[in-house]
C-alpha atoms as a PDB file:
ATOM      1  CA  UNK A   1       9.191  -7.071 -22.773  1.00  0.00           C
ATOM      2  CA  UNK A   2       6.222  -6.800 -25.078  1.00  0.00           C
ATOM      3  CA  UNK A   3       5.162  -3.348 -26.202  1.00  0.00           C
ATOM      4  CA  UNK A   4       1.716  -3.673 -24.579  1.00  0.00           C
ATOM      5  CA  UNK A   5       3.228  -4.701 -21.248  1.00  0.00           C
ATOM      6  CA  UNK A   6       5.723  -1.821 -21.441  1.00  0.00           C
ATOM      7  CA  UNK A   7       2.916   0.666 -22.126  1.00  0.00           C
ATOM      8  CA  UNK A   8       0.880  -0.742 -19.219  1.00  0.00           C
ATOM      9  CA  UNK A   9       3.860  -0.422 -16.868  1.00  0.00           C
ATOM     10  CA  UNK A  10       4.399   3.191 -17.992  1.00  0.00           C
ATOM     11  CA  UNK A  11       0.721   3.926 -17.372  1.00  0.00           C
ATOM     12  CA  UNK A  12       0.680   2.314 -13.924  1.00  0.00           C
ATOM     13  CA  UNK A  13       3.811   4.095 -12.743  1.00  0.00           C
ATOM     14  CA  UNK A  14       3.165   7.479 -14.344  1.00  0.00           C
ATOM     15  CA  UNK A  15       3.367  10.330 -11.825  1.00  0.00           C
ATOM     16  CA  UNK A  16       0.140  11.396 -10.181  1.00  0.00           C
ATOM     17  CA  UNK A  17      -1.044  14.922 -10.924  1.00  0.00           C
ATOM     18  CA  UNK A  18       0.327  17.419  -8.446  1.00  0.00           C
ATOM     19  CA  UNK A  19      -1.890  19.444  -6.186  1.00  0.00           C
ATOM     20  CA  UNK A  20      -2.121  23.168  -6.944  1.00  0.00           C
ATOM     21  CA  UNK A  21      -0.039  23.913  -3.861  1.00  0.00           C
ATOM     22  CA  UNK A  22       3.097  22.134  -2.672  1.00  0.00           C
ATOM     23  CA  UNK A  23       3.215  20.619   0.775  1.00  0.00           C
ATOM     24  CA  UNK A  24       6.291  21.273   2.878  1.00  0.00           C
ATOM     25  CA  UNK A  25       8.723  18.397   3.381  1.00  0.00           C
ATOM     26  CA  UNK A  26       7.791  15.948   6.111  1.00  0.00           C
ATOM     27  CA  UNK A  27       9.522  17.750   9.000  1.00  0.00           C
ATOM     28  CA  UNK A  28       6.495  17.932  11.235  1.00  0.00           C
ATOM     29  CA  UNK A  29       6.455  16.804  14.860  1.00  0.00           C
ATOM     30  CA  UNK A  30       6.099  13.028  15.084  1.00  0.00           C
ATOM     31  CA  UNK A  31       2.540  11.711  15.160  1.00  0.00           C
ATOM     32  CA  UNK A  32       1.041  10.714  18.461  1.00  0.00           C
ATOM     33  CA  UNK A  33       0.306   7.007  18.689  1.00  0.00           C
ATOM     34  CA  UNK A  34      -1.838   5.206  21.165  1.00  0.00           C
ATOM     35  CA  UNK A  35      -2.095   1.451  21.404  1.00  0.00           C
ATOM     36  CA  UNK A  36      -3.840  -0.551  24.044  1.00  0.00           C
ATOM     37  CA  UNK A  37      -1.395  -3.413  24.410  1.00  0.00           C
ATOM     38  CA  UNK A  38       1.608  -3.161  22.092  1.00  0.00           C
ATOM     39  CA  UNK A  39       3.747  -0.059  21.808  1.00  0.00           C
ATOM     40  CA  UNK A  40       5.286   0.213  18.354  1.00  0.00           C
ATOM     41  CA  UNK A  41       8.523   1.748  17.184  1.00  0.00           C
ATOM     42  CA  UNK A  42       8.391   3.698  13.927  1.00  0.00           C
ATOM     43  CA  UNK A  43      10.083   2.352  10.818  1.00  0.00           C
ATOM     44  CA  UNK A  44      12.674   4.707   9.389  1.00  0.00           C
ATOM     45  CA  UNK A  45      12.983   3.055   5.967  1.00  0.00           C
ATOM     46  CA  UNK A  46      11.062   0.630   3.781  1.00  0.00           C
ATOM     47  CA  UNK A  47      12.438  -2.666   5.094  1.00  0.00           C
ATOM     48  CA  UNK A  48      12.420  -5.740   2.797  1.00  0.00           C
ATOM     49  CA  UNK A  49      12.134  -8.015   5.849  1.00  0.00           C
ATOM     50  CA  UNK A  50       8.887  -6.311   6.842  1.00  0.00           C
ATOM     51  CA  UNK A  51       7.358  -5.525   3.443  1.00  0.00           C
ATOM     52  CA  UNK A  52       9.029  -8.118   1.215  1.00  0.00           C
ATOM     53  CA  UNK A  53      11.336  -7.719  -1.776  1.00  0.00           C
ATOM     54  CA  UNK A  54       8.556  -7.480  -4.399  1.00  0.00           C
ATOM     55  CA  UNK A  55       6.736  -4.684  -2.589  1.00  0.00           C
ATOM     56  CA  UNK A  56      10.004  -2.817  -2.000  1.00  0.00           C
ATOM     57  CA  UNK A  57      10.832  -3.076  -5.728  1.00  0.00           C
ATOM     58  CA  UNK A  58       7.407  -1.702  -6.667  1.00  0.00           C
ATOM     59  CA  UNK A  59       7.730   1.012  -4.037  1.00  0.00           C
ATOM     60  CA  UNK A  60      10.972   2.135  -5.692  1.00  0.00           C
ATOM     61  CA  UNK A  61       9.351   2.014  -9.144  1.00  0.00           C
ATOM     62  CA  UNK A  62       6.536   4.201  -7.812  1.00  0.00           C
ATOM     63  CA  UNK A  63       9.073   6.773  -6.618  1.00  0.00           C
ATOM     64  CA  UNK A  64       8.735   6.319  -2.873  1.00  0.00           C
ATOM     65  CA  UNK A  65      11.995   7.226  -1.132  1.00  0.00           C
ATOM     66  CA  UNK A  66      11.340   6.870   2.576  1.00  0.00           C
ATOM     67  CA  UNK A  67       8.204   6.492   4.684  1.00  0.00           C
ATOM     68  CA  UNK A  68       6.193   9.600   5.517  1.00  0.00           C
ATOM     69  CA  UNK A  69       5.445  10.262   9.206  1.00  0.00           C
ATOM     70  CA  UNK A  70       2.067   8.505   8.884  1.00  0.00           C
ATOM     71  CA  UNK A  71       3.671   5.487   7.199  1.00  0.00           C
ATOM     72  CA  UNK A  72       6.444   5.277   9.805  1.00  0.00           C
ATOM     73  CA  UNK A  73       3.812   4.340  12.371  1.00  0.00           C
ATOM     74  CA  UNK A  74       1.078   2.722  10.265  1.00  0.00           C
ATOM     75  CA  UNK A  75       3.342   0.062   8.745  1.00  0.00           C
ATOM     76  CA  UNK A  76       4.452  -1.566  12.036  1.00  0.00           C
ATOM     77  CA  UNK A  77       0.943  -1.272  13.502  1.00  0.00           C
ATOM     78  CA  UNK A  78      -0.641  -2.813  10.382  1.00  0.00           C
ATOM     79  CA  UNK A  79       1.922  -5.599  10.073  1.00  0.00           C
ATOM     80  CA  UNK A  80       1.148  -6.605  13.663  1.00  0.00           C
ATOM     81  CA  UNK A  81      -2.527  -6.848  12.663  1.00  0.00           C
ATOM     82  CA  UNK A  82      -3.559  -4.084  15.025  1.00  0.00           C
ATOM     83  CA  UNK A  83      -6.369  -1.619  14.452  1.00  0.00           C
ATOM     84  CA  UNK A  84      -5.292   1.730  13.088  1.00  0.00           C
ATOM     85  CA  UNK A  85      -6.834   5.156  12.708  1.00  0.00           C
ATOM     86  CA  UNK A  86      -4.848   8.007  11.154  1.00  0.00           C
ATOM     87  CA  UNK A  87      -5.723  11.631  10.612  1.00  0.00           C
ATOM     88  CA  UNK A  88      -3.359  13.756   8.511  1.00  0.00           C
ATOM     89  CA  UNK A  89      -3.363  16.292   5.695  1.00  0.00           C
ATOM     90  CA  UNK A  90      -3.953  15.388   2.062  1.00  0.00           C
ATOM     91  CA  UNK A  91      -0.830  14.016   0.436  1.00  0.00           C
ATOM     92  CA  UNK A  92       0.673  12.685   3.663  1.00  0.00           C
ATOM     93  CA  UNK A  93       0.690   9.037   2.545  1.00  0.00           C
ATOM     94  CA  UNK A  94      -2.259   7.721   4.537  1.00  0.00           C
ATOM     95  CA  UNK A  95      -3.617   5.495   1.757  1.00  0.00           C
ATOM     96  CA  UNK A  96      -0.253   3.840   1.128  1.00  0.00           C
ATOM     97  CA  UNK A  97       0.281   3.589   4.882  1.00  0.00           C
ATOM     98  CA  UNK A  98      -2.904   1.551   5.215  1.00  0.00           C
ATOM     99  CA  UNK A  99      -2.232  -0.529   2.085  1.00  0.00           C
ATOM    100  CA  UNK A 100       1.433  -1.486   2.548  1.00  0.00           C
ATOM    101  CA  UNK A 101       0.831  -3.908   5.457  1.00  0.00           C
ATOM    102  CA  UNK A 102      -2.127  -5.526   3.655  1.00  0.00           C
ATOM    103  CA  UNK A 103      -0.192  -5.903   0.395  1.00  0.00           C
ATOM    104  CA  UNK A 104       2.897  -7.205   2.230  1.00  0.00           C
ATOM    105  CA  UNK A 105       0.896  -9.877   4.042  1.00  0.00           C
ATOM    106  CA  UNK A 106      -0.904 -10.956   0.859  1.00  0.00           C
ATOM    107  CA  UNK A 107       2.371 -11.231  -1.069  1.00  0.00           C
ATOM    108  CA  UNK A 108       4.037 -13.213   1.725  1.00  0.00           C
ATOM    109  CA  UNK A 109       1.126 -15.606   2.280  1.00  0.00           C
ATOM    110  CA  UNK A 110       0.113 -15.983  -1.352  1.00  0.00           C
ATOM    111  CA  UNK A 111      -3.421 -16.332  -2.600  1.00  0.00           C
ATOM    112  CA  UNK A 112      -6.012 -17.898  -0.330  1.00  0.00           C
ATOM    113  CA  UNK A 113      -7.086 -21.415  -1.288  1.00  0.00           C
ATOM    114  CA  UNK A 114     -10.193 -21.774  -3.411  1.00  0.00           C
ATOM    115  CA  UNK A 115     -13.370 -22.595  -1.555  1.00  0.00           C
ATOM    116  CA  UNK A 116     -14.305 -26.270  -1.680  1.00  0.00           C
ATOM    117  CA  UNK A 117     -16.068 -27.146  -4.917  1.00  0.00           C
ATOM    118  CA  UNK A 118     -15.247 -23.787  -6.520  1.00  0.00           C
ATOM    119  CA  UNK A 119     -14.412 -23.524 -10.190  1.00  0.00           C
ATOM    120  CA  UNK A 120     -10.739 -22.749 -10.909  1.00  0.00           C
ATOM    121  CA  UNK A 121     -11.955 -20.445 -13.691  1.00  0.00           C
ATOM    122  CA  UNK A 122     -13.295 -17.914 -11.198  1.00  0.00           C
ATOM    123  CA  UNK A 123     -11.497 -15.324  -9.121  1.00  0.00           C
ATOM    124  CA  UNK A 124     -11.900 -15.183  -5.368  1.00  0.00           C
ATOM    125  CA  UNK A 125     -11.205 -12.130  -3.207  1.00  0.00           C
ATOM    126  CA  UNK A 126      -8.393 -12.216  -0.674  1.00  0.00           C
ATOM    127  CA  UNK A 127      -9.083  -8.730   0.622  1.00  0.00           C
ATOM    128  CA  UNK A 128     -11.955  -6.273   0.449  1.00  0.00           C
ATOM    129  CA  UNK A 129     -11.241  -2.577   0.791  1.00  0.00           C
ATOM    130  CA  UNK A 130     -14.141  -0.214   1.303  1.00  0.00           C
ATOM    131  CA  UNK A 131     -13.887   3.511   0.730  1.00  0.00           C
ATOM    132  CA  UNK A 132     -16.455   6.289   1.192  1.00  0.00           C
ATOM    133  CA  UNK A 133     -15.972   8.057  -2.155  1.00  0.00           C
ATOM    134  CA  UNK A 134     -15.352   7.138  -5.767  1.00  0.00           C
ATOM    135  CA  UNK A 135     -12.289   9.398  -5.773  1.00  0.00           C
ATOM    136  CA  UNK A 136     -10.717   7.459  -2.913  1.00  0.00           C
ATOM    137  CA  UNK A 137     -11.622   4.130  -4.547  1.00  0.00           C
ATOM    138  CA  UNK A 138      -9.821   5.282  -7.706  1.00  0.00           C
ATOM    139  CA  UNK A 139      -6.770   6.290  -5.652  1.00  0.00           C
ATOM    140  CA  UNK A 140      -6.737   2.962  -3.794  1.00  0.00           C
ATOM    141  CA  UNK A 141      -7.033   1.002  -7.055  1.00  0.00           C
ATOM    142  CA  UNK A 142      -4.178   2.988  -8.610  1.00  0.00           C
ATOM    143  CA  UNK A 143      -1.936   2.288  -5.623  1.00  0.00           C
ATOM    144  CA  UNK A 144      -2.806  -1.411  -5.584  1.00  0.00           C
ATOM    145  CA  UNK A 145      -2.040  -1.674  -9.318  1.00  0.00           C
ATOM    146  CA  UNK A 146       1.387  -0.154  -8.677  1.00  0.00           C
ATOM    147  CA  UNK A 147       2.257  -2.199  -5.640  1.00  0.00           C
ATOM    148  CA  UNK A 148       0.902  -5.564  -6.865  1.00  0.00           C
ATOM    149  CA  UNK A 149       2.817  -5.157 -10.165  1.00  0.00           C
ATOM    150  CA  UNK A 150       4.447  -8.463 -11.232  1.00  0.00           C
ATOM    151  CA  UNK A 151       2.747 -10.477  -8.481  1.00  0.00           C
ATOM    152  CA  UNK A 152       0.149 -13.232  -8.471  1.00  0.00           C
ATOM    153  CA  UNK A 153      -2.480 -10.798  -7.197  1.00  0.00           C
ATOM    154  CA  UNK A 154      -4.701  -8.685  -9.392  1.00  0.00           C
ATOM    155  CA  UNK A 155      -6.670  -5.750  -7.981  1.00  0.00           C
ATOM    156  CA  UNK A 156     -10.045  -5.121  -9.525  1.00  0.00           C
END
């Protein structure tokens, strides 16, 4: 591996700064879920059949052990393409819970075809993520860099 690539990988997967106070382990009561048509069962582990091998490998590199309570429910709901709203404390894994299904689907399906007549020298978006603050945008970009590592997708 080239030195520049090694340095980039170290930068992408460096630990995030810790909050000034530690959160207790995820032993809270299970979240309440409401769906209109499809009840979902929570996932108890990051499953390669659901998320794909590449995303699981990057999840391990990023230091994720098992899904948080929010992720246990958001992953199956998101993979089914259902709407999702989650409310939980800071540090509970909401951002990753929303991103994992999107990233998994993009990695499984590959890049969308170029629009007709488009130049192959240009990039085309496959997904657009909107966030209300610059801080959250920075967090989302950092997570997408980690979880799209060594894939054909490039977050920007």
